[in-house]
Protein backbone atom coordinates (compact mmCIF):
# COMPACT_ATOMS: atom_id res chain seq x y z
CA UNK A 1 105.54 -43.88 -50.86
CA UNK A 2 105.72 -42.50 -47.18
CA UNK A 3 104.63 -38.80 -47.10
CA UNK A 4 107.96 -36.80 -47.13
CA UNK A 5 110.64 -39.84 -47.87
CA UNK A 6 113.50 -39.77 -46.94
CA UNK A 7 116.78 -40.46 -49.86
CA UNK A 8 120.71 -40.50 -48.50
CA UNK A 9 122.92 -40.10 -50.71
CA UNK A 10 126.63 -41.19 -49.98
CA UNK A 11 128.40 -39.36 -51.83
CA UNK A 12 127.82 -35.69 -54.43
CA UNK A 13 126.90 -36.99 -58.40
CA UNK A 14 126.55 -34.99 -61.00
CA UNK A 15 124.75 -32.20 -62.46
CA UNK A 16 121.17 -32.10 -61.76
CA UNK A 17 120.61 -35.48 -61.84
CA UNK A 18 118.91 -35.55 -58.21
CA UNK A 19 115.92 -33.02 -59.05
CA UNK A 20 113.18 -35.65 -59.42
CA UNK A 21 114.09 -36.42 -56.00
CA UNK A 22 114.48 -33.72 -54.62
CA UNK A 23 110.80 -32.86 -55.56
CA UNK A 24 109.95 -36.82 -54.02
CA UNK A 25 111.09 -35.71 -50.67
CA UNK A 26 114.31 -34.85 -47.58
CA UNK A 27 117.75 -35.32 -50.15
CA UNK A 28 120.55 -36.06 -47.68
CA UNK A 29 124.00 -35.84 -49.61
CA UNK A 30 127.23 -36.94 -47.57
CA UNK A 31 129.61 -33.36 -47.59
CA UNK A 32 132.47 -35.77 -47.49
CA UNK A 33 134.72 -35.62 -50.66
CA UNK A 34 135.72 -39.53 -49.56
CA UNK A 35 133.71 -42.79 -48.86
CA UNK A 36 131.78 -42.49 -45.30
CA UNK A 37 133.44 -45.05 -42.61
CA UNK A 38 131.55 -48.11 -41.59
CA UNK A 39 130.15 -46.16 -39.27
CA UNK A 40 129.37 -42.85 -40.62
CA UNK A 41 127.18 -44.72 -43.13
CA UNK A 42 125.63 -46.82 -40.27
CA UNK A 43 124.66 -43.28 -38.76
CA UNK A 44 123.77 -41.32 -42.38
CA UNK A 45 121.35 -44.72 -43.56
CA UNK A 46 119.22 -44.16 -40.39
CA UNK A 47 115.38 -43.61 -41.37
CA UNK A 48 116.50 -44.29 -44.73
CA UNK A 49 113.14 -44.53 -47.23
CA UNK A 50 116.23 -44.94 -50.64
CA UNK A 51 119.59 -44.90 -50.19
CA UNK A 52 122.10 -44.55 -53.76
CA UNK A 53 124.87 -46.29 -52.80
CA UNK A 54 128.53 -46.05 -54.67
CA UNK A 55 131.43 -48.92 -55.30
CA UNK A 56 133.03 -47.92 -51.96
CA UNK A 57 130.12 -48.09 -49.59
CA UNK A 58 129.52 -51.95 -47.92
CA UNK A 59 125.55 -52.32 -47.72
CA UNK A 60 125.46 -55.48 -45.42
CA UNK A 61 123.07 -56.42 -42.49
CA UNK A 62 124.44 -53.74 -40.10
CA UNK A 63 124.10 -50.99 -42.64
CA UNK A 64 120.41 -52.39 -43.51
CA UNK A 65 119.37 -52.85 -39.19
CA UNK A 66 120.77 -49.04 -38.90
CA UNK A 67 118.39 -48.10 -41.61
CA UNK A 68 115.18 -49.10 -40.10
CA UNK A 69 112.06 -51.23 -41.32
CA UNK A 70 111.01 -48.51 -43.94
CA UNK A 71 113.92 -48.75 -46.26
CA UNK A 72 112.82 -49.76 -49.67
CA UNK A 73 115.78 -49.38 -51.88
CA UNK A 74 119.49 -49.31 -52.38
CA UNK A 75 120.43 -48.21 -56.14
CA UNK A 76 123.72 -48.67 -56.26
CA UNK A 77 125.60 -46.60 -59.29
CA UNK A 78 127.76 -49.03 -60.22
CA UNK A 79 127.90 -52.67 -62.74
CA UNK A 80 129.28 -54.48 -60.13
CA UNK A 81 127.14 -55.02 -56.69
CA UNK A 82 130.18 -56.93 -55.17
CA UNK A 83 129.27 -54.31 -52.36
CA UNK A 84 126.00 -55.10 -51.83
CA UNK A 85 124.94 -57.98 -49.09
CA UNK A 86 121.93 -59.64 -51.80
CA UNK A 87 120.97 -62.08 -49.13
CA UNK A 88 120.27 -59.48 -46.38
CA UNK A 89 118.62 -56.74 -48.81
CA UNK A 90 116.35 -60.03 -50.33
CA UNK A 91 115.70 -60.78 -46.42
CA UNK A 92 114.99 -57.25 -45.30
CA UNK A 93 112.64 -57.02 -49.06
CA UNK A 94 114.90 -53.62 -49.81
CA UNK A 95 115.37 -53.63 -53.37
CA UNK A 96 118.58 -53.50 -54.72
CA UNK A 97 119.94 -52.33 -57.86
CA UNK A 98 122.25 -50.96 -60.14
CA UNK A 99 123.15 -49.48 -63.50
CA UNK A 100 124.49 -51.97 -66.26
CA UNK A 101 124.75 -51.07 -69.63
CA UNK A 102 125.74 -47.49 -69.14
CA UNK A 103 129.39 -47.86 -68.80
CA UNK A 104 130.24 -50.58 -71.23
CA UNK A 105 132.21 -48.94 -73.97
CA UNK A 106 133.82 -46.09 -71.63
CA UNK A 107 135.25 -49.66 -69.79
CA UNK A 108 135.88 -51.03 -73.29
CA UNK A 109 137.79 -47.83 -74.37
CA UNK A 110 139.86 -47.48 -70.89
CA UNK A 111 140.60 -51.50 -71.22
CA UNK A 112 142.28 -50.69 -75.27
CA UNK A 113 144.16 -47.63 -73.51
CA UNK A 114 146.06 -49.38 -70.78
CA UNK A 115 146.64 -52.26 -73.95
CA UNK A 116 147.87 -49.60 -75.80
CA UNK A 117 149.87 -48.36 -73.13
CA UNK A 118 151.51 -51.20 -71.64
CA UNK A 119 152.13 -52.64 -75.38
CA UNK A 120 154.53 -49.90 -77.02
CA UNK A 121 155.45 -48.68 -73.11
CA UNK A 122 154.04 -44.98 -73.14
CA UNK A 123 153.50 -44.58 -69.86
CA UNK A 124 157.23 -45.62 -69.45
CA UNK A 125 158.49 -42.75 -72.06
CA UNK A 126 156.43 -39.99 -71.03
CA UNK A 127 157.95 -40.94 -67.42
CA UNK A 128 161.37 -40.68 -69.18
CA UNK A 129 161.52 -37.70 -70.59
CA UNK A 130 159.69 -35.70 -67.69
CA UNK A 131 162.60 -36.96 -65.57
CA UNK A 132 164.77 -35.37 -67.45
CA UNK A 133 166.48 -38.36 -68.60
CA UNK A 134 169.21 -37.73 -71.79
CA UNK A 135 167.36 -40.20 -74.53
CA UNK A 136 168.06 -40.90 -78.56
CA UNK A 137 166.03 -42.70 -80.73
CA UNK A 138 167.84 -45.29 -82.35
CA UNK A 139 166.57 -48.64 -83.47
CA UNK A 140 166.56 -50.64 -80.89
CA UNK A 141 165.29 -47.80 -78.23
CA UNK A 142 162.19 -48.20 -76.29
CA UNK A 143 160.26 -51.14 -78.77
CA UNK A 144 157.01 -52.40 -77.74
CA UNK A 145 154.71 -55.20 -79.02
CA UNK A 146 152.24 -55.00 -82.14
CA UNK A 147 148.80 -56.44 -81.75
CA UNK A 148 148.75 -57.64 -85.60
CA UNK A 149 147.48 -60.92 -85.63
CA UNK A 150 148.51 -61.50 -82.16
CA UNK A 151 146.06 -63.01 -79.04
CA UNK A 152 143.47 -61.98 -76.93
CA UNK A 153 141.79 -63.83 -74.40
CA UNK A 154 139.00 -62.21 -72.74
CA UNK A 155 137.93 -63.60 -69.47
CA UNK A 156 134.39 -62.44 -68.90
CA UNK A 157 132.20 -62.08 -72.10
CA UNK A 158 129.54 -60.25 -71.07
CA UNK A 159 128.35 -57.23 -72.76
CA UNK A 160 131.74 -54.81 -71.67
CA UNK A 161 133.88 -58.12 -73.24
CA UNK A 162 132.45 -58.11 -76.57
CA UNK A 163 132.90 -54.23 -76.58
CA UNK A 164 136.61 -54.62 -76.14
CA UNK A 165 136.17 -58.38 -78.20
CA UNK A 166 135.08 -56.13 -81.78
CA UNK A 167 138.04 -52.77 -80.93
CA UNK A 168 140.89 -55.53 -80.48
CA UNK A 169 139.18 -57.12 -83.45
CA UNK A 170 140.37 -53.58 -85.67
CA UNK A 171 143.56 -53.87 -84.42
CA UNK A 172 144.19 -57.37 -86.12
CA UNK A 173 144.27 -59.13 -82.92
CA UNK A 174 143.12 -63.19 -83.23
CA UNK A 175 140.56 -63.04 -80.08
CA UNK A 176 139.42 -65.96 -77.64
CA UNK A 177 137.66 -65.68 -74.89
CA UNK A 178 136.37 -68.14 -72.45
CA UNK A 179 132.60 -67.36 -69.66
CA UNK A 180 131.12 -69.88 -67.30
CA UNK A 181 128.66 -69.34 -70.34
CA UNK A 182 130.56 -72.00 -72.08
CA UNK A 183 130.98 -72.71 -75.91
CA UNK A 184 128.79 -69.91 -77.79
CA UNK A 185 129.02 -67.63 -80.73
CA UNK A 186 130.12 -64.66 -79.64
CA UNK A 187 131.21 -62.31 -82.38
CA UNK A 188 134.74 -62.54 -84.00
CA UNK A 189 135.67 -64.64 -80.84
CA UNK A 190 135.29 -68.31 -79.71
CA UNK A 191 135.32 -69.97 -76.99
CA UNK A 192 138.62 -72.03 -74.60
CA UNK A 193 139.15 -73.63 -71.55
CA UNK A 194 140.29 -70.90 -69.09
CA UNK A 195 144.03 -72.77 -69.20
CA UNK A 196 144.20 -73.48 -72.54
CA UNK A 197 143.14 -68.99 -72.73
CA UNK A 198 145.57 -68.40 -70.63
CA UNK A 199 148.44 -70.83 -71.63
CA UNK A 200 147.83 -69.37 -75.30
CA UNK A 201 146.77 -65.58 -75.14
CA UNK A 202 149.84 -62.64 -76.23
CA UNK A 203 146.82 -60.48 -73.86
CA UNK A 204 144.68 -61.48 -70.83
CA UNK A 205 142.09 -59.45 -70.39
CA UNK A 206 139.36 -59.57 -67.41
CA UNK A 207 135.93 -58.75 -67.48
CA UNK A 208 134.13 -60.64 -64.72
CA UNK A 209 132.01 -59.83 -62.01
CA UNK A 210 133.78 -60.43 -58.41
CA UNK A 211 132.06 -63.49 -56.84
CA UNK A 212 133.25 -66.15 -54.29
CA UNK A 213 133.86 -68.48 -57.19
CA UNK A 214 136.44 -65.44 -58.65
CA UNK A 215 138.46 -64.05 -56.09
CA UNK A 216 141.60 -65.01 -56.86
CA UNK A 217 141.37 -66.96 -59.98
CA UNK A 218 144.08 -65.47 -61.98
CA UNK A 219 146.03 -66.53 -58.06
CA UNK A 220 149.80 -67.77 -59.01
CA UNK A 221 149.11 -70.98 -60.43
CA UNK A 222 147.00 -69.31 -63.15
CA UNK A 223 149.80 -66.95 -63.54
CA UNK A 224 152.66 -69.62 -64.42
CA UNK A 225 150.35 -70.74 -67.02
CA UNK A 226 150.65 -66.93 -69.18
CA UNK A 227 153.64 -66.70 -71.72
CA UNK A 228 156.61 -65.05 -70.36
CA UNK A 229 155.46 -62.75 -73.18
CA UNK A 230 151.82 -61.71 -72.28
CA UNK A 231 150.54 -59.05 -70.65
CA UNK A 232 147.00 -58.94 -68.28
CA UNK A 233 144.75 -55.85 -68.58
CA UNK A 234 142.23 -55.74 -65.32
CA UNK A 235 139.62 -53.60 -65.80
CA UNK A 236 136.82 -56.05 -64.30
CA UNK A 237 137.99 -55.96 -60.08
CA UNK A 238 140.59 -55.96 -57.71
CA UNK A 239 140.08 -59.12 -56.69
CA UNK A 240 139.72 -61.00 -58.72
CA UNK A 241 143.65 -61.21 -59.48
CA UNK A 242 145.68 -62.11 -56.14
CA UNK A 243 148.29 -59.26 -56.33
CA UNK A 244 150.84 -60.76 -54.52
CA UNK A 245 151.59 -63.33 -57.32
CA UNK A 246 151.34 -60.74 -59.41
CA UNK A 247 153.72 -58.57 -58.36
CA UNK A 248 155.92 -62.47 -57.85
CA UNK A 249 155.42 -63.56 -61.26
CA UNK A 250 156.21 -59.98 -62.56
CA UNK A 251 159.62 -59.46 -61.09
CA UNK A 252 160.63 -63.12 -61.88
CA UNK A 253 159.79 -62.18 -65.52
CA UNK A 254 156.69 -64.74 -65.71
CA UNK A 255 154.74 -61.87 -67.56
CA UNK A 256 155.10 -59.77 -69.58
CA UNK A 257 153.81 -56.83 -67.88
CA UNK A 258 150.28 -55.05 -66.40
CA UNK A 259 148.23 -52.72 -67.17
CA UNK A 260 145.43 -52.16 -64.38
CA UNK A 261 142.52 -49.89 -63.24
CA UNK A 262 141.22 -51.42 -60.11
CA UNK A 263 143.29 -53.04 -56.73
CA UNK A 264 142.95 -55.41 -54.18
CA UNK A 265 142.62 -53.40 -51.65
CA UNK A 266 141.44 -51.11 -53.28
CA UNK A 267 142.43 -47.09 -53.10
CA UNK A 268 145.76 -48.89 -51.75
CA UNK A 269 148.27 -50.59 -53.89
CA UNK A 270 150.32 -54.13 -53.41
CA UNK A 271 153.78 -53.09 -53.11
CA UNK A 272 156.30 -53.72 -55.64
CA UNK A 273 153.49 -52.71 -58.43
CA UNK A 274 154.78 -48.87 -58.49
CA UNK A 275 158.02 -49.62 -58.93
CA UNK A 276 157.61 -51.15 -62.43
CA UNK A 277 158.19 -49.94 -65.66
CA UNK A 278 156.35 -52.52 -67.40
CA UNK A 279 153.20 -51.68 -65.33
CA UNK A 280 150.77 -49.12 -66.02
CA UNK A 281 148.37 -48.20 -62.90
CA UNK A 282 145.19 -45.90 -63.30
CA UNK A 283 142.63 -45.10 -60.17
CA UNK A 284 139.83 -46.95 -61.30
CA UNK A 285 138.92 -45.16 -64.41
CA UNK A 286 136.64 -48.00 -66.44
CA UNK A 287 133.60 -45.75 -66.36
CA UNK A 288 135.19 -42.19 -65.59
CA UNK A 289 133.31 -40.50 -69.04
CA UNK A 290 131.41 -37.67 -68.11
CA UNK A 291 128.85 -38.32 -70.21
CA UNK A 292 129.02 -42.48 -68.33
CA UNK A 293 129.26 -40.92 -64.94
CA UNK A 294 126.47 -39.03 -65.51
CA UNK A 295 124.64 -41.24 -66.91
CA UNK A 296 125.37 -43.82 -64.37
CA UNK A 297 123.72 -41.57 -61.49
CA UNK A 298 121.11 -40.65 -63.48
CA UNK A 299 119.65 -43.99 -63.66
CA UNK A 300 120.65 -44.60 -60.45
CA UNK A 301 118.38 -41.96 -59.58
CA UNK A 302 115.55 -42.81 -62.18
CA UNK A 303 115.52 -46.29 -60.11
CA UNK A 304 114.76 -44.90 -56.85
CA UNK A 305 112.08 -41.97 -57.60
CA UNK A 306 110.46 -45.38 -59.82
CA UNK A 307 110.73 -47.92 -56.56
CA UNK A 308 109.98 -44.62 -53.83
CA UNK A 309 106.75 -44.13 -56.83
CA UNK A 310 105.32 -47.91 -57.20
CA UNK A 311 107.21 -48.16 -60.28
CA UNK A 312 109.41 -50.81 -61.23
CA UNK A 313 112.99 -49.95 -61.52
CA UNK A 314 114.48 -49.28 -64.99
CA UNK A 315 117.04 -51.50 -64.01
CA UNK A 316 116.58 -55.34 -63.76
CA UNK A 317 116.02 -56.11 -59.69
CA UNK A 318 119.15 -57.88 -58.16
CA UNK A 319 118.97 -61.07 -55.80
CA UNK A 320 121.26 -63.48 -54.28
CA UNK A 321 122.65 -65.99 -56.31
CA UNK A 322 121.85 -69.96 -55.54
């Protein structure tokens, strides 16, 4: 470790999580309450020995070159790492880490919140009352959809997918899933081919990583396979869904509704989505509990501290896929 390593933190982190790093060297924290622009990011990382990044920071060849050869570690405060160019970090011999595992429960809880909200029309009802629109209870007023005996199709059966399956089973749902691992034992769920899952599920919930294979996996053709009474939930990554195709299928009544926490061009939202009452929109809240965000930040700090002091990082080192 250099005598006084420079540690760059691209967004302010909660609590006192940075204290261990302040004992190690010079810690620079971005003063902005927003993501750094690409130019600002390249300038900020110059001379850095470590960078703590968030999901909105694109760490690529340009950033790594700007940092310089002394850079040893990039710690991503996220489970996903599609913002990291792992081929570039590997070529520069920079250790890359993420924060897996710590946001499983928070994201699974939010998935169920979106599912319940859109199927029971909670946000729609909230908007109606706040608007001052006259209303009165009757037998057919704002009917939603119950969950018992409905089929939930989970795309991506990792830790979050399994946590969602456990929660949905408690609501009496039948669980099926598709994952790259193929058929296997996944608790209360059984594996189906993706086309069959889309065609037979009452709710489709996305929990897969963003890769070249999953980008626009839910496109116009995939959406057309879904039931007209089905709902789509996305708490994974926005570009897994072709949002223009989603708007078109919702406008045509091809599916019943959607609950989204992530967006293709975040923070921008595809025109048309915000105008539809059968769409619930959340601003990337999957990990947004005090406990989870604090633990994510602390784990990123632990990864940096370990690498700079010559110890193995608590999180697995990220390597490029073949």
